[in-house]
Amino acid sequence: MFKFFPTALGGRQGPTSADRYACIFEVDNEYFDCRLLLDDVGPIWPGSHARVPIKFLFSELIMPNLSIGKEFYLKEIRRIGRGVIQALS
């Protein structure tokens, strides 16, 4: 589960696309390319909460950093959202 920050607090200016969204996943002060898979969710607006699957470009590099309950951030140029890992697959 994560929350995109509202625009007024540094979040995105508008919603994501409806099918996928590419951004940086930050965990433990390390950065990884990821894609939010939005086919079943649709666009996500600034200030909204969402629970979506995330696909990593190099999953083998990030897996040691992931555990249920761990906090993460989503970034563009700056942090645009914060979340907590709820499941691993």
N, C-alpha and C. Protein backbone atom coordinates (compact mmCIF):
# COMPACT_ATOMS: atom_id res chain seq x y z
N MET A 1 0.86 -1.17 0.00
CA MET A 1 0.00 0.00 0.00
C MET A 1 0.90 1.23 0.00
N PHE A 2 0.55 2.20 -0.81
CA PHE A 2 1.30 3.45 -0.81
C PHE A 2 0.35 4.61 -1.01
N LYS A 3 0.87 5.79 -0.73
CA LYS A 3 0.10 7.02 -0.94
C LYS A 3 0.95 7.98 -1.76
N PHE A 4 0.38 8.46 -2.85
CA PHE A 4 1.01 9.55 -3.57
C PHE A 4 0.80 10.83 -2.77
N PHE A 5 1.85 11.62 -2.61
CA PHE A 5 1.72 12.89 -1.90
C PHE A 5 0.85 13.84 -2.70
N PRO A 6 0.10 14.71 -2.04
CA PRO A 6 -0.66 15.73 -2.76
C PRO A 6 0.29 16.67 -3.50
N THR A 7 -0.18 17.27 -4.58
CA THR A 7 0.64 18.19 -5.37
C THR A 7 1.22 19.29 -4.49
N ALA A 8 0.44 19.85 -3.60
CA ALA A 8 0.88 20.95 -2.74
C ALA A 8 2.02 20.56 -1.80
N LEU A 9 2.19 19.24 -1.58
CA LEU A 9 3.26 18.75 -0.70
C LEU A 9 4.38 18.08 -1.48
N GLY A 10 4.52 18.44 -2.76
CA GLY A 10 5.62 17.92 -3.57
C GLY A 10 5.27 16.75 -4.45
N GLY A 11 4.00 16.34 -4.47
CA GLY A 11 3.58 15.21 -5.29
C GLY A 11 3.47 15.57 -6.76
N ARG A 12 3.02 14.61 -7.53
CA ARG A 12 2.84 14.80 -8.97
C ARG A 12 1.85 15.92 -9.26
N GLN A 13 1.95 16.46 -10.48
CA GLN A 13 1.02 17.50 -10.92
C GLN A 13 -0.31 16.93 -11.39
N GLY A 14 -0.32 15.67 -11.80
CA GLY A 14 -1.53 15.04 -12.31
C GLY A 14 -1.48 13.54 -12.08
N PRO A 15 -2.47 12.83 -12.61
CA PRO A 15 -2.55 11.37 -12.39
C PRO A 15 -1.53 10.61 -13.22
N THR A 16 -1.34 9.35 -12.86
CA THR A 16 -0.53 8.44 -13.66
C THR A 16 -1.31 8.05 -14.90
N SER A 17 -0.69 7.33 -15.79
CA SER A 17 -1.42 6.73 -16.91
C SER A 17 -2.33 5.64 -16.35
N ALA A 18 -3.19 5.10 -17.17
CA ALA A 18 -4.16 4.11 -16.71
C ALA A 18 -3.62 2.69 -16.65
N ASP A 19 -2.52 2.40 -17.37
CA ASP A 19 -2.07 1.01 -17.44
C ASP A 19 -0.77 0.72 -16.69
N ARG A 20 0.19 1.62 -16.74
CA ARG A 20 1.44 1.43 -16.00
C ARG A 20 2.11 2.77 -15.79
N TYR A 21 2.99 2.78 -14.79
CA TYR A 21 3.67 4.01 -14.43
C TYR A 21 5.10 3.66 -14.04
N ALA A 22 6.07 4.28 -14.69
CA ALA A 22 7.49 4.03 -14.42
C ALA A 22 8.02 5.09 -13.46
N CYS A 23 8.74 4.63 -12.44
CA CYS A 23 9.34 5.56 -11.50
C CYS A 23 10.50 4.87 -10.79
N ILE A 24 11.06 5.56 -9.82
CA ILE A 24 12.16 5.01 -9.02
C ILE A 24 11.59 4.55 -7.67
N PHE A 25 12.00 3.37 -7.26
CA PHE A 25 11.61 2.78 -5.97
C PHE A 25 12.80 2.95 -5.05
N GLU A 26 12.61 3.64 -3.94
CA GLU A 26 13.68 3.87 -2.97
C GLU A 26 13.42 3.05 -1.72
N VAL A 27 14.40 2.26 -1.33
CA VAL A 27 14.31 1.48 -0.10
C VAL A 27 15.73 1.38 0.48
N ASP A 28 15.86 1.60 1.78
CA ASP A 28 17.17 1.55 2.44
C ASP A 28 18.20 2.46 1.77
N ASN A 29 17.77 3.63 1.32
CA ASN A 29 18.65 4.60 0.65
C ASN A 29 19.29 4.05 -0.61
N GLU A 30 18.65 3.08 -1.23
CA GLU A 30 19.06 2.56 -2.54
C GLU A 30 17.91 2.76 -3.50
N TYR A 31 18.24 2.83 -4.80
CA TYR A 31 17.26 3.20 -5.81
C TYR A 31 17.17 2.15 -6.91
N PHE A 32 15.92 1.81 -7.31
CA PHE A 32 15.68 0.76 -8.29
C PHE A 32 14.60 1.21 -9.26
N ASP A 33 14.77 0.87 -10.55
CA ASP A 33 13.74 1.15 -11.54
C ASP A 33 12.57 0.21 -11.34
N CYS A 34 11.35 0.76 -11.39
CA CYS A 34 10.18 -0.08 -11.24
C CYS A 34 9.04 0.40 -12.13
N ARG A 35 8.04 -0.46 -12.27
CA ARG A 35 6.81 -0.15 -13.00
C ARG A 35 5.64 -0.52 -12.10
N LEU A 36 4.74 0.43 -11.88
CA LEU A 36 3.50 0.12 -11.19
C LEU A 36 2.54 -0.43 -12.24
N LEU A 37 1.98 -1.59 -12.01
CA LEU A 37 1.08 -2.24 -12.96
C LEU A 37 -0.35 -1.84 -12.62
N LEU A 38 -0.92 -0.95 -13.43
CA LEU A 38 -2.18 -0.31 -13.09
C LEU A 38 -3.38 -0.81 -13.87
N ASP A 39 -3.24 -1.87 -14.63
CA ASP A 39 -4.35 -2.37 -15.45
C ASP A 39 -5.62 -2.59 -14.65
N ASP A 40 -5.52 -3.11 -13.44
CA ASP A 40 -6.70 -3.39 -12.62
C ASP A 40 -7.09 -2.24 -11.70
N VAL A 41 -6.26 -1.19 -11.67
CA VAL A 41 -6.48 -0.08 -10.75
C VAL A 41 -6.88 1.20 -11.49
N GLY A 42 -6.26 1.42 -12.63
CA GLY A 42 -6.48 2.65 -13.38
C GLY A 42 -5.56 3.75 -12.90
N PRO A 43 -5.77 4.98 -13.37
CA PRO A 43 -4.87 6.07 -13.00
C PRO A 43 -4.96 6.38 -11.50
N ILE A 44 -3.84 6.80 -10.95
CA ILE A 44 -3.78 7.17 -9.54
C ILE A 44 -3.49 8.67 -9.47
N TRP A 45 -4.30 9.37 -8.71
CA TRP A 45 -4.22 10.83 -8.60
C TRP A 45 -3.35 11.23 -7.41
N PRO A 46 -2.73 12.41 -7.46
CA PRO A 46 -1.99 12.91 -6.30
C PRO A 46 -2.90 12.92 -5.07
N GLY A 47 -2.35 12.52 -3.93
CA GLY A 47 -3.11 12.45 -2.69
C GLY A 47 -3.86 11.16 -2.49
N SER A 48 -3.84 10.25 -3.49
CA SER A 48 -4.59 8.99 -3.41
C SER A 48 -3.76 7.87 -2.81
N HIS A 49 -4.47 6.92 -2.18
CA HIS A 49 -3.88 5.67 -1.70
C HIS A 49 -4.13 4.60 -2.76
N ALA A 50 -3.22 3.64 -2.86
CA ALA A 50 -3.42 2.54 -3.80
C ALA A 50 -2.64 1.31 -3.33
N ARG A 51 -3.13 0.18 -3.76
CA ARG A 51 -2.41 -1.09 -3.57
C ARG A 51 -2.28 -1.70 -4.96
N VAL A 52 -1.05 -1.75 -5.46
CA VAL A 52 -0.82 -2.22 -6.83
C VAL A 52 0.41 -3.11 -6.88
N PRO A 53 0.44 -4.03 -7.84
CA PRO A 53 1.66 -4.82 -8.05
C PRO A 53 2.75 -3.92 -8.64
N ILE A 54 3.98 -4.22 -8.25
CA ILE A 54 5.14 -3.48 -8.75
C ILE A 54 6.09 -4.48 -9.39
N LYS A 55 6.54 -4.15 -10.59
CA LYS A 55 7.51 -4.97 -11.30
C LYS A 55 8.83 -4.21 -11.33
N PHE A 56 9.93 -4.92 -11.03
CA PHE A 56 11.25 -4.30 -11.01
C PHE A 56 12.03 -4.68 -12.25
N LEU A 57 12.81 -3.74 -12.76
CA LEU A 57 13.62 -4.00 -13.93
C LEU A 57 14.65 -5.10 -13.65
N PHE A 58 15.27 -5.06 -12.49
CA PHE A 58 16.24 -6.08 -12.09
C PHE A 58 15.85 -6.61 -10.72
N SER A 59 14.84 -7.47 -10.69
CA SER A 59 14.30 -7.94 -9.41
C SER A 59 15.34 -8.65 -8.56
N GLU A 60 16.30 -9.31 -9.18
CA GLU A 60 17.32 -10.02 -8.40
C GLU A 60 18.18 -9.07 -7.56
N LEU A 61 18.29 -7.81 -7.98
CA LEU A 61 19.08 -6.84 -7.23
C LEU A 61 18.34 -6.29 -6.02
N ILE A 62 17.03 -6.16 -6.13
CA ILE A 62 16.27 -5.53 -5.04
C ILE A 62 15.75 -6.54 -4.01
N MET A 63 15.54 -7.78 -4.39
CA MET A 63 14.91 -8.75 -3.49
C MET A 63 15.55 -8.82 -2.10
N PRO A 64 16.88 -8.77 -1.97
CA PRO A 64 17.46 -8.80 -0.61
C PRO A 64 17.05 -7.61 0.26
N ASN A 65 16.59 -6.51 -0.35
CA ASN A 65 16.20 -5.30 0.38
C ASN A 65 14.72 -5.30 0.79
N LEU A 66 13.95 -6.27 0.31
CA LEU A 66 12.51 -6.24 0.52
C LEU A 66 12.08 -7.18 1.64
N SER A 67 11.17 -6.69 2.46
CA SER A 67 10.52 -7.53 3.47
C SER A 67 9.17 -6.91 3.81
N ILE A 68 8.24 -7.74 4.19
CA ILE A 68 6.90 -7.27 4.52
C ILE A 68 7.00 -6.32 5.70
N GLY A 69 6.30 -5.19 5.57
CA GLY A 69 6.30 -4.17 6.61
C GLY A 69 7.34 -3.09 6.44
N LYS A 70 8.24 -3.26 5.48
CA LYS A 70 9.30 -2.27 5.25
C LYS A 70 8.75 -1.07 4.49
N GLU A 71 9.17 0.12 4.89
CA GLU A 71 8.75 1.35 4.23
C GLU A 71 9.57 1.59 2.96
N PHE A 72 8.93 2.18 1.96
CA PHE A 72 9.61 2.56 0.73
C PHE A 72 9.06 3.89 0.24
N TYR A 73 9.76 4.49 -0.71
CA TYR A 73 9.33 5.73 -1.35
C TYR A 73 9.30 5.54 -2.85
N LEU A 74 8.42 6.27 -3.50
CA LEU A 74 8.42 6.36 -4.96
C LEU A 74 8.94 7.73 -5.33
N LYS A 75 9.78 7.79 -6.38
CA LYS A 75 10.42 9.04 -6.75
C LYS A 75 10.29 9.32 -8.24
N GLU A 76 10.24 10.57 -8.56
CA GLU A 76 10.51 11.07 -9.91
C GLU A 76 11.81 11.85 -9.71
N ILE A 77 11.76 13.16 -9.76
CA ILE A 77 12.93 13.96 -9.41
C ILE A 77 13.06 14.03 -7.89
N ARG A 78 11.94 14.03 -7.21
CA ARG A 78 11.87 14.07 -5.76
C ARG A 78 10.93 12.95 -5.29
N ARG A 79 10.82 12.75 -4.02
CA ARG A 79 9.88 11.76 -3.49
C ARG A 79 8.45 12.22 -3.78
N ILE A 80 7.66 11.32 -4.36
CA ILE A 80 6.28 11.65 -4.70
C ILE A 80 5.27 10.77 -3.97
N GLY A 81 5.77 9.77 -3.24
CA GLY A 81 4.87 8.89 -2.51
C GLY A 81 5.63 8.04 -1.51
N ARG A 82 4.87 7.50 -0.56
CA ARG A 82 5.47 6.63 0.48
C ARG A 82 4.55 5.44 0.66
N GLY A 83 5.17 4.29 0.94
CA GLY A 83 4.36 3.09 1.13
C GLY A 83 5.00 2.09 2.05
N VAL A 84 4.29 1.00 2.26
CA VAL A 84 4.76 -0.11 3.08
C VAL A 84 4.55 -1.39 2.28
N ILE A 85 5.55 -2.24 2.24
CA ILE A 85 5.47 -3.51 1.51
C ILE A 85 4.51 -4.43 2.25
N GLN A 86 3.50 -4.94 1.51
CA GLN A 86 2.48 -5.80 2.12
C GLN A 86 2.57 -7.24 1.68
N ALA A 87 3.23 -7.50 0.55
CA ALA A 87 3.35 -8.88 0.06
C ALA A 87 4.56 -8.97 -0.85
N LEU A 88 5.13 -10.15 -0.95
CA LEU A 88 6.24 -10.43 -1.86
C LEU A 88 5.86 -11.60 -2.74
N SER A 89 6.29 -11.57 -3.98
CA SER A 89 6.04 -12.73 -4.84
C SER A 89 7.24 -13.06 -5.68
